[in-house]
PDB file of N, CA and C in Angstrom:
ATOM      1  N   MET A   1     -72.895-128.770 -84.184  1.00  0.00           N
ATOM      2  CA  MET A   1     -72.471-129.230 -85.491  1.00  0.00           C
ATOM      3  C   MET A   1     -73.456-128.723 -86.537  1.00  0.00           C
ATOM      4  N   ASP A   2     -72.924-128.253 -87.645  1.00  0.00           N
ATOM      5  CA  ASP A   2     -73.768-127.841 -88.765  1.00  0.00           C
ATOM      6  C   ASP A   2     -74.330-129.069 -89.463  1.00  0.00           C
ATOM      7  N   ALA A   3     -75.494-128.896 -90.051  1.00  0.00           N
ATOM      8  CA  ALA A   3     -76.125-129.986 -90.796  1.00  0.00           C
ATOM      9  C   ALA A   3     -75.335-130.275 -92.071  1.00  0.00           C
ATOM     10  N   PRO A   4     -75.441-131.486 -92.593  1.00  0.00           N
ATOM     11  CA  PRO A   4     -74.772-131.798 -93.862  1.00  0.00           C
ATOM     12  C   PRO A   4     -75.277-130.865 -94.968  1.00  0.00           C
ATOM     13  N   VAL A   5     -74.399-130.554 -95.908  1.00  0.00           N
ATOM     14  CA  VAL A   5     -74.737-129.678 -97.018  1.00  0.00           C
ATOM     15  C   VAL A   5     -74.992-130.488 -98.288  1.00  0.00           C
ATOM     16  N   TRP A   6     -74.205-131.558 -98.465  1.00  0.00           N
ATOM     17  CA  TRP A   6     -74.247-132.345 -99.697  1.00  0.00           C
ATOM     18  C   TRP A   6     -74.432-133.828 -99.417  1.00  0.00           C
ATOM     19  N   LEU A   7     -75.012-134.512-100.381  1.00  0.00           N
ATOM     20  CA  LEU A   7     -74.922-135.968-100.476  1.00  0.00           C
ATOM     21  C   LEU A   7     -73.996-136.237-101.646  1.00  0.00           C
ATOM     22  N   LEU A   8     -72.913-136.909-101.379  1.00  0.00           N
ATOM     23  CA  LEU A   8     -71.945-137.231-102.421  1.00  0.00           C
ATOM     24  C   LEU A   8     -72.029-138.724-102.703  1.00  0.00           C
ATOM     25  N   HIS A   9     -72.409-139.060-103.928  1.00  0.00           N
ATOM     26  CA  HIS A   9     -72.523-140.449-104.365  1.00  0.00           C
ATOM     27  C   HIS A   9     -71.271-140.780-105.161  1.00  0.00           C
ATOM     28  N   LEU A  10     -70.495-141.751-104.691  1.00  0.00           N
ATOM     29  CA  LEU A  10     -69.258-142.143-105.364  1.00  0.00           C
ATOM     30  C   LEU A  10     -69.358-143.583-105.845  1.00  0.00           C
ATOM     31  N   LEU A  11     -68.991-143.791-107.085  1.00  0.00           N
ATOM     32  CA  LEU A  11     -68.880-145.136-107.640  1.00  0.00           C
ATOM     33  C   LEU A  11     -67.399-145.391-107.862  1.00  0.00           C
ATOM     34  N   THR A  12     -66.878-146.424-107.198  1.00  0.00           N
ATOM     35  CA  THR A  12     -65.449-146.697-107.289  1.00  0.00           C
ATOM     36  C   THR A  12     -65.184-147.932-108.139  1.00  0.00           C
ATOM     37  N   ALA A  13     -63.993-147.981-108.694  1.00  0.00           N
ATOM     38  CA  ALA A  13     -63.597-149.088-109.561  1.00  0.00           C
ATOM     39  C   ALA A  13     -63.734-150.410-108.811  1.00  0.00           C
ATOM     40  N   GLY A  14     -64.336-151.389-109.484  1.00  0.00           N
ATOM     41  CA  GLY A  14     -64.470-152.722-108.916  1.00  0.00           C
ATOM     42  C   GLY A  14     -65.658-152.914-107.988  1.00  0.00           C
ATOM     43  N   ARG A  15     -66.455-151.879-107.785  1.00  0.00           N
ATOM     44  CA  ARG A  15     -67.625-151.978-106.893  1.00  0.00           C
ATOM     45  C   ARG A  15     -68.905-151.848-107.709  1.00  0.00           C
ATOM     46  N   GLU A  16     -69.924-152.577-107.313  1.00  0.00           N
ATOM     47  CA  GLU A  16     -71.204-152.503-108.003  1.00  0.00           C
ATOM     48  C   GLU A  16     -72.132-151.466-107.382  1.00  0.00           C
ATOM     49  N   LYS A  17     -71.929-151.168-106.115  1.00  0.00           N
ATOM     50  CA  LYS A  17     -72.787-150.218-105.418  1.00  0.00           C
ATOM     51  C   LYS A  17     -72.017-148.947-105.116  1.00  0.00           C
ATOM     52  N   GLU A  18     -72.760-147.846-105.108  1.00  0.00           N
ATOM     53  CA  GLU A  18     -72.145-146.564-104.806  1.00  0.00           C
ATOM     54  C   GLU A  18     -72.032-146.353-103.300  1.00  0.00           C
ATOM     55  N   LEU A  19     -71.105-145.521-102.935  1.00  0.00           N
ATOM     56  CA  LEU A  19     -70.928-145.084-101.559  1.00  0.00           C
ATOM     57  C   LEU A  19     -71.590-143.719-101.449  1.00  0.00           C
ATOM     58  N   VAL A  20     -72.438-143.539-100.441  1.00  0.00           N
ATOM     59  CA  VAL A  20     -73.118-142.262-100.252  1.00  0.00           C
ATOM     60  C   VAL A  20     -72.569-141.617 -98.984  1.00  0.00           C
ATOM     61  N   LEU A  21     -72.030-140.408 -99.148  1.00  0.00           N
ATOM     62  CA  LEU A  21     -71.445-139.681 -98.027  1.00  0.00           C
ATOM     63  C   LEU A  21     -72.263-138.433 -97.725  1.00  0.00           C
ATOM     64  N   ARG A  22     -72.494-138.183 -96.445  1.00  0.00           N
ATOM     65  CA  ARG A  22     -73.110-136.925 -96.013  1.00  0.00           C
ATOM     66  C   ARG A  22     -71.959-135.957 -95.760  1.00  0.00           C
ATOM     67  N   VAL A  23     -71.817-134.959 -96.641  1.00  0.00           N
ATOM     68  CA  VAL A  23     -70.663-134.062 -96.608  1.00  0.00           C
ATOM     69  C   VAL A  23     -71.055-132.717 -95.996  1.00  0.00           C
ATOM     70  N   HIS A  24     -70.187-132.213 -95.122  1.00  0.00           N
ATOM     71  CA  HIS A  24     -70.427-130.949 -94.421  1.00  0.00           C
ATOM     72  C   HIS A  24     -69.610-129.799 -95.002  1.00  0.00           C
ATOM     73  N   ASP A  25     -68.822-130.038 -96.040  1.00  0.00           N
ATOM     74  CA  ASP A  25     -67.996-128.998 -96.666  1.00  0.00           C
ATOM     75  C   ASP A  25     -68.849-128.177 -97.628  1.00  0.00           C
ATOM     76  N   ALA A  26     -69.236-126.970 -97.215  1.00  0.00           N
ATOM     77  CA  ALA A  26     -70.141-126.139 -98.014  1.00  0.00           C
ATOM     78  C   ALA A  26     -69.517-125.704 -99.334  1.00  0.00           C
ATOM     79  N   ASP A  27     -68.203-125.602 -99.391  1.00  0.00           N
ATOM     80  CA  ASP A  27     -67.550-125.092-100.597  1.00  0.00           C
ATOM     81  C   ASP A  27     -67.276-126.176-101.645  1.00  0.00           C
ATOM     82  N   LEU A  28     -67.732-127.384-101.430  1.00  0.00           N
ATOM     83  CA  LEU A  28     -67.536-128.470-102.393  1.00  0.00           C
ATOM     84  C   LEU A  28     -68.315-128.173-103.671  1.00  0.00           C
ATOM     85  N   SER A  29     -67.695-128.454-104.841  1.00  0.00           N
ATOM     86  CA  SER A  29     -68.366-128.191-106.117  1.00  0.00           C
ATOM     87  C   SER A  29     -68.137-129.350-107.083  1.00  0.00           C
ATOM     88  N   ARG A  30     -68.959-129.400-108.095  1.00  0.00           N
ATOM     89  CA  ARG A  30     -68.808-130.416-109.142  1.00  0.00           C
ATOM     90  C   ARG A  30     -67.476-130.237-109.868  1.00  0.00           C
ATOM     91  N   GLN A  31     -67.076-128.999-110.055  1.00  0.00           N
ATOM     92  CA  GLN A  31     -65.793-128.707-110.713  1.00  0.00           C
ATOM     93  C   GLN A  31     -64.629-129.279-109.903  1.00  0.00           C
ATOM     94  N   GLN A  32     -64.666-129.104-108.588  1.00  0.00           N
ATOM     95  CA  GLN A  32     -63.617-129.660-107.732  1.00  0.00           C
ATOM     96  C   GLN A  32     -63.568-131.169-107.858  1.00  0.00           C
ATOM     97  N   LEU A  33     -64.728-131.821-107.820  1.00  0.00           N
ATOM     98  CA  LEU A  33     -64.769-133.276-107.944  1.00  0.00           C
ATOM     99  C   LEU A  33     -64.132-133.726-109.252  1.00  0.00           C
ATOM    100  N   ALA A  34     -64.470-133.049-110.346  1.00  0.00           N
ATOM    101  CA  ALA A  34     -63.910-133.396-111.650  1.00  0.00           C
ATOM    102  C   ALA A  34     -62.394-133.232-111.659  1.00  0.00           C
ATOM    103  N   GLU A  35     -61.903-132.153-111.080  1.00  0.00           N
ATOM    104  CA  GLU A  35     -60.456-131.908-111.021  1.00  0.00           C
ATOM    105  C   GLU A  35     -59.756-132.974-110.183  1.00  0.00           C
ATOM    106  N   TRP A  36     -60.337-133.330-109.040  1.00  0.00           N
ATOM    107  CA  TRP A  36     -59.729-134.343-108.177  1.00  0.00           C
ATOM    108  C   TRP A  36     -59.697-135.699-108.872  1.00  0.00           C
ATOM    109  N   MET A  37     -60.780-136.034-109.586  1.00  0.00           N
ATOM    110  CA  MET A  37     -60.823-137.306-110.300  1.00  0.00           C
ATOM    111  C   MET A  37     -59.792-137.321-111.421  1.00  0.00           C
ATOM    112  N   GLU A  38     -59.696-136.231-112.172  1.00  0.00           N
ATOM    113  CA  GLU A  38     -58.741-136.151-113.274  1.00  0.00           C
ATOM    114  C   GLU A  38     -57.299-136.249-112.789  1.00  0.00           C
ATOM    115  N   ALA A  39     -57.021-135.622-111.646  1.00  0.00           N
ATOM    116  CA  ALA A  39     -55.673-135.631-111.091  1.00  0.00           C
ATOM    117  C   ALA A  39     -55.377-136.887-110.266  1.00  0.00           C
ATOM    118  N   GLY A  40     -56.398-137.647-109.919  1.00  0.00           N
ATOM    119  CA  GLY A  40     -56.205-138.802-109.048  1.00  0.00           C
ATOM    120  C   GLY A  40     -55.791-138.379-107.653  1.00  0.00           C
ATOM    121  N   ALA A  41     -56.345-137.272-107.183  1.00  0.00           N
ATOM    122  CA  ALA A  41     -55.949-136.673-105.907  1.00  0.00           C
ATOM    123  C   ALA A  41     -56.570-137.390-104.712  1.00  0.00           C
ATOM    124  N   VAL A  42     -55.874-137.304-103.593  1.00  0.00           N
ATOM    125  CA  VAL A  42     -56.418-137.725-102.307  1.00  0.00           C
ATOM    126  C   VAL A  42     -56.837-136.446-101.601  1.00  0.00           C
ATOM    127  N   HIS A  43     -58.108-136.393-101.204  1.00  0.00           N
ATOM    128  CA  HIS A  43     -58.623-135.159-100.631  1.00  0.00           C
ATOM    129  C   HIS A  43     -59.438-135.458 -99.364  1.00  0.00           C
ATOM    130  N   PRO A  44     -59.274-134.627 -98.321  1.00  0.00           N
ATOM    131  CA  PRO A  44     -60.069-134.822 -97.100  1.00  0.00           C
ATOM    132  C   PRO A  44     -61.454-134.199 -97.238  1.00  0.00           C
ATOM    133  N   LEU A  45     -62.467-134.902 -96.722  1.00  0.00           N
ATOM    134  CA  LEU A  45     -63.834-134.399 -96.676  1.00  0.00           C
ATOM    135  C   LEU A  45     -64.365-134.550 -95.255  1.00  0.00           C
ATOM    136  N   THR A  46     -65.133-133.571 -94.803  1.00  0.00           N
ATOM    137  CA  THR A  46     -65.777-133.653 -93.501  1.00  0.00           C
ATOM    138  C   THR A  46     -67.129-134.334 -93.704  1.00  0.00           C
ATOM    139  N   VAL A  47     -67.309-135.493 -93.086  1.00  0.00           N
ATOM    140  CA  VAL A  47     -68.497-136.318 -93.310  1.00  0.00           C
ATOM    141  C   VAL A  47     -69.115-136.754 -91.982  1.00  0.00           C
ATOM    142  N   SER A  48     -70.352-137.241 -92.075  1.00  0.00           N
ATOM    143  CA  SER A  48     -71.005-137.839 -90.911  1.00  0.00           C
ATOM    144  C   SER A  48     -71.852-139.010 -91.380  1.00  0.00           C
ATOM    145  N   ARG A  49     -72.138-139.914 -90.467  1.00  0.00           N
ATOM    146  CA  ARG A  49     -73.004-141.055 -90.772  1.00  0.00           C
ATOM    147  C   ARG A  49     -74.441-140.689 -90.454  1.00  0.00           C
ATOM    148  N   SER A  50     -75.357-141.322 -91.137  1.00  0.00           N
ATOM    149  CA  SER A  50     -76.780-141.089 -90.898  1.00  0.00           C
ATOM    150  C   SER A  50     -77.109-141.423 -89.450  1.00  0.00           C
ATOM    151  N   GLY A  51     -77.793-140.518 -88.787  1.00  0.00           N
ATOM    152  CA  GLY A  51     -78.179-140.730 -87.400  1.00  0.00           C
ATOM    153  C   GLY A  51     -77.088-140.401 -86.400  1.00  0.00           C
ATOM    154  N   ASP A  52     -75.933-139.962 -86.872  1.00  0.00           N
ATOM    155  CA  ASP A  52     -74.811-139.635 -86.000  1.00  0.00           C
ATOM    156  C   ASP A  52     -74.575-138.134 -86.054  1.00  0.00           C
ATOM    157  N   GLU A  53     -74.434-137.501 -84.911  1.00  0.00           N
ATOM    158  CA  GLU A  53     -74.231-136.061 -84.860  1.00  0.00           C
ATOM    159  C   GLU A  53     -72.763-135.671 -84.953  1.00  0.00           C
ATOM    160  N   GLN A  54     -71.863-136.623 -84.870  1.00  0.00           N
ATOM    161  CA  GLN A  54     -70.438-136.333 -84.882  1.00  0.00           C
ATOM    162  C   GLN A  54     -69.889-136.413 -86.295  1.00  0.00           C
ATOM    163  N   THR A  55     -69.016-135.469 -86.645  1.00  0.00           N
ATOM    164  CA  THR A  55     -68.363-135.494 -87.954  1.00  0.00           C
ATOM    165  C   THR A  55     -66.963-136.069 -87.810  1.00  0.00           C
ATOM    166  N   SER A  56     -66.424-136.496 -88.934  1.00  0.00           N
ATOM    167  CA  SER A  56     -65.044-136.960 -88.983  1.00  0.00           C
ATOM    168  C   SER A  56     -64.467-136.586 -90.338  1.00  0.00           C
ATOM    169  N   THR A  57     -63.165-136.651 -90.443  1.00  0.00           N
ATOM    170  CA  THR A  57     -62.489-136.357 -91.703  1.00  0.00           C
ATOM    171  C   THR A  57     -62.194-137.672 -92.402  1.00  0.00           C
ATOM    172  N   LEU A  58     -62.640-137.774 -93.641  1.00  0.00           N
ATOM    173  CA  LEU A  58     -62.425-138.962 -94.454  1.00  0.00           C
ATOM    174  C   LEU A  58     -61.521-138.585 -95.614  1.00  0.00           C
ATOM    175  N   LEU A  59     -60.418-139.309 -95.777  1.00  0.00           N
ATOM    176  CA  LEU A  59     -59.546-139.088 -96.925  1.00  0.00           C
ATOM    177  C   LEU A  59     -60.043-139.961 -98.070  1.00  0.00           C
ATOM    178  N   VAL A  60     -60.393-139.329 -99.184  1.00  0.00           N
ATOM    179  CA  VAL A  60     -60.913-140.045-100.340  1.00  0.00           C
ATOM    180  C   VAL A  60     -59.873-140.022-101.444  1.00  0.00           C
ATOM    181  N   ASN A  61     -59.539-141.219-101.954  1.00  0.00           N
ATOM    182  CA  ASN A  61     -58.617-141.337-103.074  1.00  0.00           C
ATOM    183  C   ASN A  61     -59.440-141.289-104.360  1.00  0.00           C
ATOM    184  N   PHE A  62     -59.459-140.139-105.008  1.00  0.00           N
ATOM    185  CA  PHE A  62     -60.281-139.957-106.195  1.00  0.00           C
ATOM    186  C   PHE A  62     -59.701-140.659-107.416  1.00  0.00           C
ATOM    187  N   ARG A  63     -58.536-141.248-107.304  1.00  0.00           N
ATOM    188  CA  ARG A  63     -57.968-142.041-108.396  1.00  0.00           C
ATOM    189  C   ARG A  63     -58.846-143.255-108.687  1.00  0.00           C
ATOM    190  N   HIS A  64     -59.517-143.765-107.654  1.00  0.00           N
ATOM    191  CA  HIS A  64     -60.336-144.965-107.790  1.00  0.00           C
ATOM    192  C   HIS A  64     -61.818-144.662-108.040  1.00  0.00           C
ATOM    193  N   VAL A  65     -62.169-143.384-108.125  1.00  0.00           N
ATOM    194  CA  VAL A  65     -63.559-142.986-108.360  1.00  0.00           C
ATOM    195  C   VAL A  65     -63.803-142.932-109.868  1.00  0.00           C
ATOM    196  N   VAL A  66     -64.805-143.688-110.333  1.00  0.00           N
ATOM    197  CA  VAL A  66     -65.134-143.702-111.759  1.00  0.00           C
ATOM    198  C   VAL A  66     -66.408-142.905-112.044  1.00  0.00           C
ATOM    199  N   GLY A  67     -67.137-142.526-111.011  1.00  0.00           N
ATOM    200  CA  GLY A  67     -68.334-141.712-111.172  1.00  0.00           C
ATOM    201  C   GLY A  67     -68.665-141.025-109.864  1.00  0.00           C
ATOM    202  N   ALA A  68     -69.123-139.783-109.975  1.00  0.00           N
ATOM    203  CA  ALA A  68     -69.497-139.028-108.781  1.00  0.00           C
ATOM    204  C   ALA A  68     -70.730-138.189-109.094  1.00  0.00           C
ATOM    205  N   ARG A  69     -71.609-138.106-108.108  1.00  0.00           N
ATOM    206  CA  ARG A  69     -72.815-137.294-108.244  1.00  0.00           C
ATOM    207  C   ARG A  69     -72.995-136.519-106.958  1.00  0.00           C
ATOM    208  N   LEU A  70     -73.207-135.235-107.082  1.00  0.00           N
ATOM    209  CA  LEU A  70     -73.341-134.343-105.938  1.00  0.00           C
ATOM    210  C   LEU A  70     -74.766-133.800-105.912  1.00  0.00           C
ATOM    211  N   ALA A  71     -75.441-133.915-104.770  1.00  0.00           N
ATOM    212  CA  ALA A  71     -76.808-133.418-104.620  1.00  0.00           C
ATOM    213  C   ALA A  71     -76.915-132.664-103.302  1.00  0.00           C
ATOM    214  N   GLN A  72     -77.735-131.630-103.298  1.00  0.00           N
ATOM    215  CA  GLN A  72     -77.996-130.911-102.057  1.00  0.00           C
ATOM    216  C   GLN A  72     -78.557-131.893-101.034  1.00  0.00           C
ATOM    217  N   TYR A  73     -78.092-131.811 -99.808  1.00  0.00           N
ATOM    218  CA  TYR A  73     -78.621-132.671 -98.762  1.00  0.00           C
ATOM    219  C   TYR A  73     -80.092-132.337 -98.569  1.00  0.00           C
ATOM    220  N   GLY A  74     -80.918-133.330 -98.511  1.00  0.00           N
ATOM    221  CA  GLY A  74     -82.344-133.128 -98.349  1.00  0.00           C
ATOM    222  C   GLY A  74     -83.111-133.241 -99.647  1.00  0.00           C
ATOM    223  N   ASP A  75     -82.406-133.259-100.799  1.00  0.00           N
ATOM    224  CA  ASP A  75     -83.073-133.441-102.099  1.00  0.00           C
ATOM    225  C   ASP A  75     -83.510-134.877-102.306  1.00  0.00           C
ATOM    226  N   GLY A  76     -83.089-135.758-101.424  1.00  0.00           N
ATOM    227  CA  GLY A  76     -83.492-137.157-101.507  1.00  0.00           C
ATOM    228  C   GLY A  76     -82.372-138.045-101.984  1.00  0.00           C
ATOM    229  N   ARG A  77     -82.590-139.344-101.812  1.00  0.00           N
ATOM    230  CA  ARG A  77     -81.595-140.347-102.189  1.00  0.00           C
ATOM    231  C   ARG A  77     -82.224-141.414-103.060  1.00  0.00           C
ATOM    232  N   SER A  78     -83.168-141.042-103.872  1.00  0.00           N
ATOM    233  CA  SER A  78     -83.953-142.042-104.584  1.00  0.00           C
ATOM    234  C   SER A  78     -83.249-142.650-105.789  1.00  0.00           C
ATOM    235  N   SER A  79     -82.304-141.949-106.386  1.00  0.00           N
ATOM    236  CA  SER A  79     -81.672-142.491-107.591  1.00  0.00           C
ATOM    237  C   SER A  79     -80.246-142.938-107.308  1.00  0.00           C
ATOM    238  N   ALA A  80     -79.768-143.838-108.147  1.00  0.00           N
ATOM    239  CA  ALA A  80     -78.415-144.378-107.999  1.00  0.00           C
ATOM    240  C   ALA A  80     -77.785-144.507-109.377  1.00  0.00           C
ATOM    241  N   PHE A  81     -76.534-144.851-109.404  1.00  0.00           N
ATOM    242  CA  PHE A  81     -75.834-145.047-110.674  1.00  0.00           C
ATOM    243  C   PHE A  81     -76.370-146.288-111.351  1.00  0.00           C
TER     244      PHE A  81
END
């Protein structure tokens, strides 16, 4: 399995805490996230949990995402929304 490429921080409507996903999709971009949020699209992402070597596909409904932040994996997780 390839190492995660991105940390995707999602803030969804009605939640106080962000969801942090370890994303393995190398072609993910900030522009794509903005387009998916604007369109309210449901999009699959290849993700893994911390400490887990297995990936899975997660369908994310970007209609409910009110904020997203994309960081290179390994840049740290020190800041939040």
